[in-house]
Amino acid sequence: MNLLGRNVIERLARFGYGARGVVYCIVGGLALLAALGRGGRADDSESAIRWVLAGPFGSVLVGFIAIGLLGFALWRFVEGLTDADRRGTSPKGLVVRAAHVGSAVIYTGLAITAGSLALGLGRARGGDGMQDWTAWLLSKPFGLWLVGLIGLGVMAGGVAFLVKAATGKVTDRLKLDAGQCRWAKPVGQFGYAARGVAFLIIGGFFLAAAWYQASSEVKGLAGAFAALRAQPYGWVLLAIVAAGHFAFGAFGLIQARFRHIDAPDLDETDDAVLKALRPGG
């Protein structure tokens, strides 16, 4: 066994859970302050990273966040392709593994954005990338159906988050005893429920984009926060969901320490991925 490769992916995964946790703590904290009228902004993950960038040692801290998010993306790829979590090849298992690969793509993009900001590139925020690729997709044959399917997939993810929160299965993969789970489980349930609500709203935006054939209908987390704020007693709804995102971030920090991670060694990962990709593998 290569000593340099031992547990590298596990360490990157734990660093990644921590980095993601920090980002969502900031997202939730800023949105909660905005809901309570105490400053802050109800915005997305990139805005949270930019907030860190504007503070003391911003470039260094954002650089660490970028490395962490890239590590998390690597773990999601490995998790999905090699079935490191033993999800199996049942329809449910394959859907979960595919979702992990999709998550890896998203967090790779966020890691690249964070890395660019840390290096002093792209300091001015550009256009909405989500709307740009949705517009590209809508311009293709059957594009509106694909956008609609994406919307349904995102909403299905939201339902899965809500079910996970309702059933309390958020601590199943944590190495915690029953006493420790008593305090960790409510944090995770609150966090997953908030993410579920956000995913349902974001998925609805994609369905609206497909229906109206307009990429401008697509919005991310900031749009979900704005939609909640626009409802009757919207500041209350926003405050609850924002606090839930802070809880999701805090639960990510718990996962960084206690999550069971059975990753292949770095020098065995290529073989594990190739085996998974082979027919019948």
Protein backbone atom coordinates (compact mmCIF):
# COMPACT_ATOMS: atom_id res chain seq x y z
CA MET A 1 0.00 0.00 0.00
CA ASN A 2 1.29 3.44 -0.88
CA LEU A 3 1.78 5.30 2.41
CA LEU A 4 1.41 8.64 0.67
CA GLY A 5 -1.99 7.59 -0.60
CA ARG A 6 -3.31 6.22 2.67
CA ASN A 7 -6.49 8.01 3.79
CA VAL A 8 -5.84 11.00 1.51
CA ILE A 9 -9.36 10.90 0.06
CA GLU A 10 -10.85 10.55 3.54
CA ARG A 11 -8.90 13.58 4.76
CA LEU A 12 -9.96 15.60 1.73
CA ALA A 13 -13.56 14.53 2.28
CA ARG A 14 -13.52 15.64 5.91
CA PHE A 15 -11.90 18.94 4.97
CA GLY A 16 -14.58 19.25 2.29
CA TYR A 17 -17.46 18.66 4.68
CA GLY A 18 -15.97 21.33 6.91
CA ALA A 19 -15.55 23.83 4.07
CA ARG A 20 -19.10 23.26 2.87
CA GLY A 21 -20.31 23.62 6.46
CA VAL A 22 -18.55 26.97 6.86
CA VAL A 23 -20.04 28.26 3.60
CA TYR A 24 -23.60 27.34 4.59
CA CYS A 25 -23.16 28.74 8.10
CA ILE A 26 -22.29 32.05 6.45
CA VAL A 27 -25.13 31.76 3.92
CA GLY A 28 -27.64 31.05 6.68
CA GLY A 29 -26.24 33.63 9.08
CA LEU A 30 -26.30 36.45 6.54
CA ALA A 31 -29.81 35.52 5.37
CA LEU A 32 -31.03 35.39 8.99
CA LEU A 33 -29.62 38.86 9.63
CA ALA A 34 -31.36 40.09 6.47
CA ALA A 35 -34.69 38.59 7.60
CA LEU A 36 -34.38 40.30 10.98
CA GLY A 37 -33.43 43.63 9.41
CA ARG A 38 -29.95 43.60 10.96
CA GLY A 39 -27.95 43.85 7.76
CA GLY A 40 -26.71 40.85 5.85
CA ARG A 41 -27.92 39.53 2.52
CA ALA A 42 -30.15 36.61 1.65
CA ASP A 43 -27.92 35.31 -1.12
CA ASP A 44 -26.13 32.23 -2.41
CA SER A 45 -22.91 30.34 -1.72
CA GLU A 46 -20.78 32.46 -4.03
CA SER A 47 -21.89 35.59 -2.21
CA ALA A 48 -20.93 33.97 1.10
CA ILE A 49 -17.46 33.26 -0.30
CA ARG A 50 -17.17 36.85 -1.49
CA TRP A 51 -18.13 37.99 2.02
CA VAL A 52 -15.21 35.98 3.39
CA LEU A 53 -12.95 37.45 0.70
CA ALA A 54 -13.76 40.99 1.88
CA GLY A 55 -12.66 40.25 5.45
CA PRO A 56 -9.23 39.95 7.07
CA PHE A 57 -6.97 37.38 5.37
CA GLY A 58 -9.81 36.96 2.86
CA SER A 59 -7.75 35.54 0.01
CA VAL A 60 -6.08 32.96 2.25
CA LEU A 61 -9.35 31.84 3.82
CA VAL A 62 -11.11 31.64 0.46
CA GLY A 63 -8.17 29.62 -0.85
CA PHE A 64 -8.68 27.09 1.94
CA ILE A 65 -12.41 27.02 1.17
CA ALA A 66 -11.61 26.36 -2.49
CA ILE A 67 -9.34 23.43 -1.59
CA GLY A 68 -11.98 22.07 0.77
CA LEU A 69 -14.78 22.30 -1.77
CA LEU A 70 -12.60 20.59 -4.37
CA GLY A 71 -11.92 17.83 -1.85
CA PHE A 72 -15.64 17.50 -1.21
CA ALA A 73 -16.29 17.30 -4.95
CA LEU A 74 -13.64 14.57 -5.29
CA TRP A 75 -15.27 12.59 -2.49
CA ARG A 76 -18.69 12.93 -4.12
CA PHE A 77 -17.27 11.61 -7.41
CA VAL A 78 -15.61 8.69 -5.63
CA GLU A 79 -18.71 8.09 -3.51
CA GLY A 80 -20.97 7.98 -6.54
CA LEU A 81 -18.76 6.05 -8.96
CA THR A 82 -17.21 3.47 -6.64
CA ASP A 83 -20.21 3.04 -4.31
CA ALA A 84 -18.00 3.79 -1.31
CA ASP A 85 -21.11 4.13 0.87
CA ARG A 86 -22.45 0.74 -0.21
CA ARG A 87 -25.64 2.13 -1.74
CA GLY A 88 -25.83 -0.79 -4.13
CA THR A 89 -27.27 -1.02 -7.63
CA SER A 90 -30.97 -0.91 -6.75
CA PRO A 91 -32.93 1.90 -8.48
CA LYS A 92 -32.84 3.94 -5.26
CA GLY A 93 -29.12 3.32 -4.81
CA LEU A 94 -28.31 4.30 -8.39
CA VAL A 95 -30.36 7.50 -8.07
CA VAL A 96 -28.51 8.47 -4.89
CA ARG A 97 -25.15 7.73 -6.48
CA ALA A 98 -26.07 9.75 -9.58
CA ALA A 99 -27.11 12.63 -7.34
CA HIS A 100 -23.70 12.48 -5.67
CA VAL A 101 -21.98 12.74 -9.05
CA GLY A 102 -24.20 15.70 -9.92
CA SER A 103 -23.30 17.28 -6.58
CA ALA A 104 -19.63 16.76 -7.43
CA VAL A 105 -20.05 18.75 -10.64
CA ILE A 106 -21.75 21.61 -8.79
CA TYR A 107 -19.14 21.80 -6.03
CA THR A 108 -16.32 21.58 -8.56
CA GLY A 109 -17.73 24.71 -10.18
CA LEU A 110 -18.02 26.46 -6.81
CA ALA A 111 -14.46 25.42 -5.93
CA ILE A 112 -13.18 26.87 -9.22
CA THR A 113 -15.02 30.11 -8.50
CA ALA A 114 -13.55 30.27 -4.99
CA GLY A 115 -10.07 29.50 -6.31
CA SER A 116 -10.35 32.22 -8.94
CA LEU A 117 -11.42 34.73 -6.30
CA ALA A 118 -8.57 33.71 -3.99
CA LEU A 119 -6.10 34.30 -6.83
CA GLY A 120 -7.57 37.71 -7.59
CA LEU A 121 -9.39 36.66 -10.74
CA GLY A 122 -13.02 37.45 -11.45
CA ARG A 123 -13.47 39.80 -8.49
CA ALA A 124 -16.39 41.50 -10.28
CA ARG A 125 -19.41 39.23 -10.31
CA GLY A 126 -20.43 38.30 -13.83
CA GLY A 127 -23.73 37.11 -15.22
CA ASP A 128 -25.88 34.35 -13.85
CA GLY A 129 -24.23 31.11 -14.98
CA MET A 130 -27.33 29.08 -14.17
CA GLN A 131 -29.44 31.23 -16.45
CA ASP A 132 -26.76 31.16 -19.16
CA TRP A 133 -26.59 27.38 -19.42
CA THR A 134 -30.38 27.14 -19.12
CA ALA A 135 -30.68 29.50 -22.09
CA TRP A 136 -28.21 27.32 -24.01
CA LEU A 137 -30.20 24.22 -23.14
CA LEU A 138 -33.51 25.80 -24.13
CA SER A 139 -32.06 26.59 -27.54
CA LYS A 140 -31.47 22.89 -28.26
CA PRO A 141 -33.95 20.32 -29.56
CA PHE A 142 -36.07 19.00 -26.71
CA GLY A 143 -34.31 21.56 -24.49
CA LEU A 144 -37.45 22.68 -22.71
CA TRP A 145 -38.20 19.05 -21.80
CA LEU A 146 -34.69 18.64 -20.44
CA VAL A 147 -35.03 21.82 -18.37
CA GLY A 148 -38.34 20.52 -17.08
CA LEU A 149 -36.74 17.19 -16.16
CA ILE A 150 -33.99 19.05 -14.32
CA GLY A 151 -36.66 20.91 -12.40
CA LEU A 152 -38.41 17.69 -11.46
CA GLY A 153 -35.08 16.18 -10.44
CA VAL A 154 -34.27 19.13 -8.19
CA MET A 155 -37.72 18.95 -6.64
CA ALA A 156 -37.29 15.21 -6.10
CA GLY A 157 -34.06 16.02 -4.28
CA GLY A 158 -36.00 18.47 -2.14
CA VAL A 159 -38.55 15.80 -1.28
CA ALA A 160 -35.71 13.40 -0.40
CA PHE A 161 -34.22 16.01 1.94
CA LEU A 162 -37.61 16.53 3.61
CA VAL A 163 -38.16 12.78 3.98
CA LYS A 164 -34.70 12.37 5.47
CA ALA A 165 -35.45 15.16 7.93
CA ALA A 166 -38.87 13.74 8.83
CA THR A 167 -37.59 10.19 9.37
CA GLY A 168 -34.58 11.35 11.36
CA LYS A 169 -32.11 9.34 9.26
CA VAL A 170 -29.62 12.19 9.15
CA THR A 171 -27.21 10.61 11.65
CA ASP A 172 -27.17 7.08 10.22
CA ARG A 173 -23.66 7.47 8.83
CA LEU A 174 -22.20 9.31 11.80
CA LYS A 175 -19.94 7.59 14.30
CA LEU A 176 -21.86 8.87 17.33
CA ASP A 177 -23.39 7.10 20.30
CA ALA A 178 -27.06 7.49 21.25
CA GLY A 179 -26.36 10.33 23.67
CA GLN A 180 -24.45 12.34 21.09
CA CYS A 181 -27.12 11.72 18.45
CA ARG A 182 -29.72 13.34 20.70
CA TRP A 183 -28.18 16.74 20.07
CA ALA A 184 -26.79 16.16 16.57
CA LYS A 185 -29.98 14.74 15.06
CA PRO A 186 -32.22 17.84 15.55
CA VAL A 187 -29.53 20.02 14.01
CA GLY A 188 -29.34 17.77 10.96
CA GLN A 189 -33.12 17.45 10.66
CA PHE A 190 -33.59 21.22 10.75
CA GLY A 191 -30.83 21.70 8.20
CA TYR A 192 -32.06 19.06 5.78
CA ALA A 193 -35.63 20.36 6.03
CA ALA A 194 -34.48 23.87 5.12
CA ARG A 195 -32.49 22.55 2.16
CA GLY A 196 -35.54 20.56 1.08
CA VAL A 197 -37.70 23.69 1.03
CA ALA A 198 -35.05 25.56 -0.98
CA PHE A 199 -34.74 22.71 -3.49
CA LEU A 200 -38.51 22.60 -4.02
CA ILE A 201 -38.56 26.31 -4.81
CA ILE A 202 -35.50 26.15 -7.08
CA GLY A 203 -36.97 23.16 -8.92
CA GLY A 204 -40.14 25.17 -9.41
CA PHE A 205 -38.10 27.91 -11.06
CA PHE A 206 -36.78 25.39 -13.60
CA LEU A 207 -40.30 24.18 -14.34
CA ALA A 208 -41.38 27.79 -14.87
CA ALA A 209 -38.44 28.31 -17.24
CA ALA A 210 -39.49 25.27 -19.25
CA TRP A 211 -43.14 26.34 -19.30
CA TYR A 212 -42.44 29.92 -20.38
CA GLN A 213 -39.31 28.98 -22.38
CA ALA A 214 -37.47 31.77 -20.57
CA SER A 215 -34.14 31.23 -18.84
CA SER A 216 -34.75 34.37 -16.78
CA GLU A 217 -37.21 32.33 -14.69
CA VAL A 218 -34.35 30.21 -13.32
CA LYS A 219 -33.01 31.34 -9.97
CA GLY A 220 -30.80 29.74 -7.37
CA LEU A 221 -30.76 29.93 -3.60
CA ALA A 222 -30.92 33.73 -3.58
CA GLY A 223 -34.10 33.50 -5.66
CA ALA A 224 -35.56 30.95 -3.24
CA PHE A 225 -34.85 33.27 -0.33
CA ALA A 226 -36.46 36.16 -2.23
CA ALA A 227 -39.55 34.07 -3.00
CA LEU A 228 -39.96 33.27 0.69
CA ARG A 229 -39.48 36.93 1.63
CA ALA A 230 -42.24 37.93 -0.80
CA GLN A 231 -44.88 35.79 0.97
CA PRO A 232 -47.18 37.00 3.76
CA TYR A 233 -45.07 37.01 6.94
CA GLY A 234 -42.20 36.45 4.58
CA TRP A 235 -39.57 37.65 7.02
CA VAL A 236 -40.62 34.85 9.38
CA LEU A 237 -40.42 32.23 6.62
CA LEU A 238 -37.05 33.57 5.51
CA ALA A 239 -35.75 33.61 9.08
CA ILE A 240 -36.76 29.97 9.61
CA VAL A 241 -35.25 28.72 6.36
CA ALA A 242 -32.14 30.87 6.85
CA ALA A 243 -31.66 29.46 10.35
CA GLY A 244 -32.11 26.01 8.84
CA HIS A 245 -29.30 26.68 6.38
CA PHE A 246 -27.09 27.74 9.27
CA ALA A 247 -28.02 24.44 10.95
CA PHE A 248 -27.16 22.60 7.71
CA GLY A 249 -23.74 24.24 7.80
CA ALA A 250 -23.27 23.34 11.46
CA PHE A 251 -24.24 19.75 10.67
CA GLY A 252 -21.60 19.77 7.94
CA LEU A 253 -19.01 20.56 10.61
CA ILE A 254 -20.31 17.60 12.63
CA GLN A 255 -20.01 15.41 9.52
CA ALA A 256 -16.44 16.60 9.02
CA ARG A 257 -15.52 15.09 12.37
CA PHE A 258 -17.84 12.10 12.78
CA ARG A 259 -18.99 10.98 9.31
CA HIS A 260 -18.16 7.36 8.44
CA ILE A 261 -16.03 7.55 5.28
CA ASP A 262 -14.89 4.31 3.70
CA ALA A 263 -12.96 5.76 0.79
CA PRO A 264 -10.55 3.69 -1.32
CA ASP A 265 -6.88 4.57 -0.97
CA LEU A 266 -5.66 7.14 -3.44
CA ASP A 267 -3.62 4.59 -5.38
CA GLU A 268 -6.65 2.28 -5.65
CA THR A 269 -9.19 4.88 -6.75
CA ASP A 270 -8.53 4.58 -10.50
CA ASP A 271 -9.06 0.83 -10.39
CA ALA A 272 -12.23 1.22 -8.31
CA VAL A 273 -13.68 3.77 -10.75
CA LEU A 274 -12.82 1.65 -13.80
CA LYS A 275 -14.35 -1.40 -12.17
CA ALA A 276 -17.54 0.54 -11.44
CA LEU A 277 -17.75 1.81 -15.03
CA ARG A 278 -17.29 -1.61 -16.63
CA PRO A 279 -20.52 -3.34 -17.66
CA GLY A 280 -21.55 -5.61 -14.83
CA GLY A 281 -18.88 -4.04 -12.58
